[in-house]
Amino acid sequence: MRERAVRALKALVYPEGIDFLALYPAEVLLDHGDMHLDLRPDDPRFPHLVRVPLRVFLPGAYVRVKSGSRVLLGFEGGNPERPVAYLWEAGGTVVVEIRSVSGRRVRVDDEAGEIRVEDPVRVVVDAPQILLAGGGPPVARVGDPVQVGAAVGQIIGGSSKVFSG
């Protein structure tokens, strides 16, 4: 008896003819900020879905998606009780972050207007030219000669966190 009731309820909630192994376009209504989205599927047979997990196929990656962005809705293992969203169209992400197990982090954040690189030990930048502050004044290093008016001196101290090769 119970089994028939469960089957009947599932038939009401999940109409026949839906292929739960297929992917369906959907609109992002809300990003909860924890890799879960509220979605409005394009296919009218689906209701609005709340707190659907977002999958990005890169372990340690975190993204935030703008409302109105497009994703693909799928179902893990074809199970209608396990909906998942996959990023689909470019331009919908506002935050992209990659975190390693040891605490290293790179974050591109359009909302804050910054790119952030964090490491518990050190960050290495190795390039023939490094542009700081959008091409602002030159940066002097410890040991570089400095001229202020007619006087010439030498920098004898600086940040213990910044080194130059």
Protein backbone atom coordinates (compact mmCIF):
# COMPACT_ATOMS: atom_id res chain seq x y z
CA MET A 1 0.00 0.00 0.00
CA ARG A 2 2.72 2.46 1.00
CA GLU A 3 4.72 1.70 -2.16
CA ARG A 4 1.73 2.53 -4.38
CA ALA A 5 1.17 5.81 -2.54
CA VAL A 6 4.83 6.79 -3.00
CA ARG A 7 4.66 5.91 -6.72
CA ALA A 8 1.48 7.96 -7.14
CA LEU A 9 3.02 10.95 -5.37
CA LYS A 10 6.16 10.74 -7.51
CA ALA A 11 4.02 10.63 -10.65
CA LEU A 12 2.40 13.91 -9.57
CA VAL A 13 5.70 15.59 -8.73
CA TYR A 14 7.75 14.15 -11.62
CA PRO A 15 5.56 13.99 -14.75
CA GLU A 16 6.16 11.16 -17.21
CA GLY A 17 8.23 11.89 -20.25
CA ILE A 18 11.00 13.71 -18.40
CA ASP A 19 14.41 12.21 -19.12
CA PHE A 20 16.32 12.61 -15.86
CA LEU A 21 19.58 11.70 -17.61
CA ALA A 22 19.28 14.73 -19.92
CA LEU A 23 20.40 18.31 -19.24
CA TYR A 24 17.90 21.17 -19.22
CA PRO A 25 18.61 24.92 -19.56
CA ALA A 26 17.63 26.99 -16.53
CA GLU A 27 17.86 30.58 -15.27
CA VAL A 28 19.58 31.40 -11.99
CA LEU A 29 17.16 33.20 -9.67
CA LEU A 30 19.44 33.40 -6.62
CA ASP A 31 22.95 32.38 -5.61
CA HIS A 32 23.02 31.53 -1.90
CA GLY A 33 26.81 32.07 -1.75
CA ASP A 34 27.53 28.49 -0.71
CA MET A 35 27.57 26.79 -4.13
CA HIS A 36 23.76 26.38 -4.10
CA LEU A 37 21.38 28.09 -6.54
CA ASP A 38 17.67 28.69 -6.91
CA LEU A 39 16.66 27.90 -10.50
CA ARG A 40 13.80 28.43 -12.93
CA PRO A 41 14.05 25.68 -15.57
CA ASP A 42 13.05 26.67 -19.12
CA ASP A 43 11.02 23.46 -19.40
CA PRO A 44 7.58 24.24 -17.90
CA ARG A 45 7.23 20.66 -16.65
CA PHE A 46 9.72 21.48 -13.87
CA PRO A 47 8.86 23.63 -10.85
CA HIS A 48 11.24 26.29 -9.55
CA LEU A 49 14.05 24.50 -7.74
CA VAL A 50 15.57 25.75 -4.49
CA ARG A 51 19.15 25.26 -3.21
CA VAL A 52 20.36 23.17 -6.14
CA PRO A 53 24.08 22.26 -5.72
CA LEU A 54 26.39 23.87 -8.29
CA ARG A 55 29.07 21.65 -9.87
CA VAL A 56 32.11 23.20 -11.59
CA PHE A 57 34.35 20.14 -12.25
CA LEU A 58 37.41 21.64 -10.55
CA PRO A 59 38.04 20.39 -7.01
CA GLY A 60 38.50 23.31 -4.62
CA ALA A 61 36.79 25.81 -6.93
CA TYR A 62 34.15 28.20 -5.63
CA VAL A 63 32.06 30.50 -7.82
CA ARG A 64 29.27 33.04 -7.39
CA VAL A 65 26.80 33.38 -10.23
CA LYS A 66 24.71 36.44 -11.14
CA SER A 67 20.94 36.25 -11.10
CA GLY A 68 19.68 35.86 -14.65
CA SER A 69 22.68 33.73 -15.67
CA ARG A 70 22.14 30.48 -17.51
CA VAL A 71 23.07 27.02 -16.25
CA LEU A 72 22.29 23.46 -17.21
CA LEU A 73 20.11 21.47 -14.85
CA GLY A 74 20.88 17.79 -14.49
CA PHE A 75 20.14 14.99 -12.07
CA GLU A 76 22.92 12.92 -10.47
CA GLY A 77 22.58 9.32 -11.58
CA GLY A 78 19.25 10.15 -13.22
CA ASN A 79 17.70 10.53 -9.75
CA PRO A 80 15.00 13.24 -9.77
CA GLU A 81 15.63 13.83 -6.07
CA ARG A 82 19.27 14.87 -6.73
CA PRO A 83 19.21 17.93 -9.01
CA VAL A 84 22.52 19.66 -9.83
CA ALA A 85 23.42 22.78 -11.81
CA TYR A 86 26.35 23.04 -14.21
CA LEU A 87 27.88 26.30 -15.44
CA TRP A 88 27.06 26.75 -19.09
CA GLU A 89 27.34 30.27 -20.51
CA ALA A 90 30.33 32.57 -20.05
CA GLY A 91 29.87 35.89 -18.30
CA GLY A 92 27.61 34.72 -15.50
CA THR A 93 30.22 34.35 -12.77
CA VAL A 94 30.99 37.30 -10.51
CA VAL A 95 33.40 35.53 -8.16
CA VAL A 96 35.77 32.69 -9.04
CA GLU A 97 37.96 31.23 -6.33
CA ILE A 98 40.30 28.27 -6.29
CA ARG A 99 41.44 26.90 -2.92
CA SER A 100 44.02 24.20 -2.31
CA VAL A 101 44.02 21.77 0.59
CA SER A 102 47.02 23.56 2.15
CA GLY A 103 45.32 26.97 2.22
CA ARG A 104 46.55 28.58 -1.00
CA ARG A 105 43.88 30.73 -2.63
CA VAL A 106 43.35 32.73 -5.82
CA ARG A 107 40.16 34.80 -5.99
CA VAL A 108 38.86 36.89 -8.90
CA ASP A 109 36.07 39.05 -7.46
CA ASP A 110 34.09 41.34 -9.77
CA GLU A 111 31.86 42.39 -6.85
CA ALA A 112 34.80 43.75 -4.83
CA GLY A 113 36.76 44.79 -7.93
CA GLU A 114 39.88 42.87 -6.98
CA ILE A 115 42.05 39.86 -7.65
CA ARG A 116 43.43 38.33 -4.49
CA VAL A 117 46.28 35.82 -4.14
CA GLU A 118 46.83 34.32 -0.68
CA ASP A 119 49.31 31.78 0.58
CA PRO A 120 50.21 30.74 4.14
CA VAL A 121 53.94 30.81 3.31
CA ARG A 122 54.83 32.97 0.29
CA VAL A 123 53.67 34.26 -3.08
CA VAL A 124 56.15 34.20 -5.96
CA VAL A 125 55.82 36.56 -8.93
CA ASP A 126 58.42 35.94 -11.61
CA ALA A 127 58.19 38.11 -14.71
CA PRO A 128 60.49 40.41 -16.68
CA GLN A 129 58.27 43.36 -15.75
CA ILE A 130 55.86 43.71 -12.83
CA LEU A 131 53.40 46.60 -12.87
CA LEU A 132 52.21 47.78 -9.45
CA ALA A 133 49.49 50.36 -8.83
CA GLY A 134 48.61 50.68 -12.49
CA GLY A 135 51.93 52.23 -13.49
CA GLY A 136 52.33 54.54 -10.50
CA PRO A 137 55.67 55.84 -9.22
CA PRO A 138 58.69 53.50 -9.33
CA VAL A 139 59.29 51.17 -6.39
CA ALA A 140 62.71 51.28 -4.70
CA ARG A 141 64.36 48.31 -3.00
CA VAL A 142 66.61 48.06 0.05
CA GLY A 143 70.09 49.07 -1.08
CA ASP A 144 68.89 51.27 -3.97
CA PRO A 145 70.26 54.82 -4.07
CA VAL A 146 67.65 57.54 -3.51
CA GLN A 147 67.95 61.22 -4.38
CA VAL A 148 65.81 63.80 -2.58
CA GLY A 149 66.60 67.27 -3.89
CA ALA A 150 70.40 67.68 -3.78
CA ALA A 151 70.88 64.97 -1.13
CA VAL A 152 71.62 61.38 -2.12
CA GLY A 153 71.09 58.50 0.28
CA GLN A 154 70.52 54.80 0.37
CA ILE A 155 67.48 52.82 1.50
CA ILE A 156 68.55 50.81 4.53
CA GLY A 157 65.28 49.21 5.60
CA GLY A 158 62.00 47.97 4.19
CA SER A 159 59.36 45.29 4.43
CA SER A 160 60.62 41.91 5.55
CA LYS A 161 57.87 40.36 3.41
CA VAL A 162 58.91 41.77 0.01
CA PHE A 163 62.06 40.70 -1.84
CA SER A 164 63.41 41.42 -5.30
CA GLY A 165 65.78 39.33 -7.41
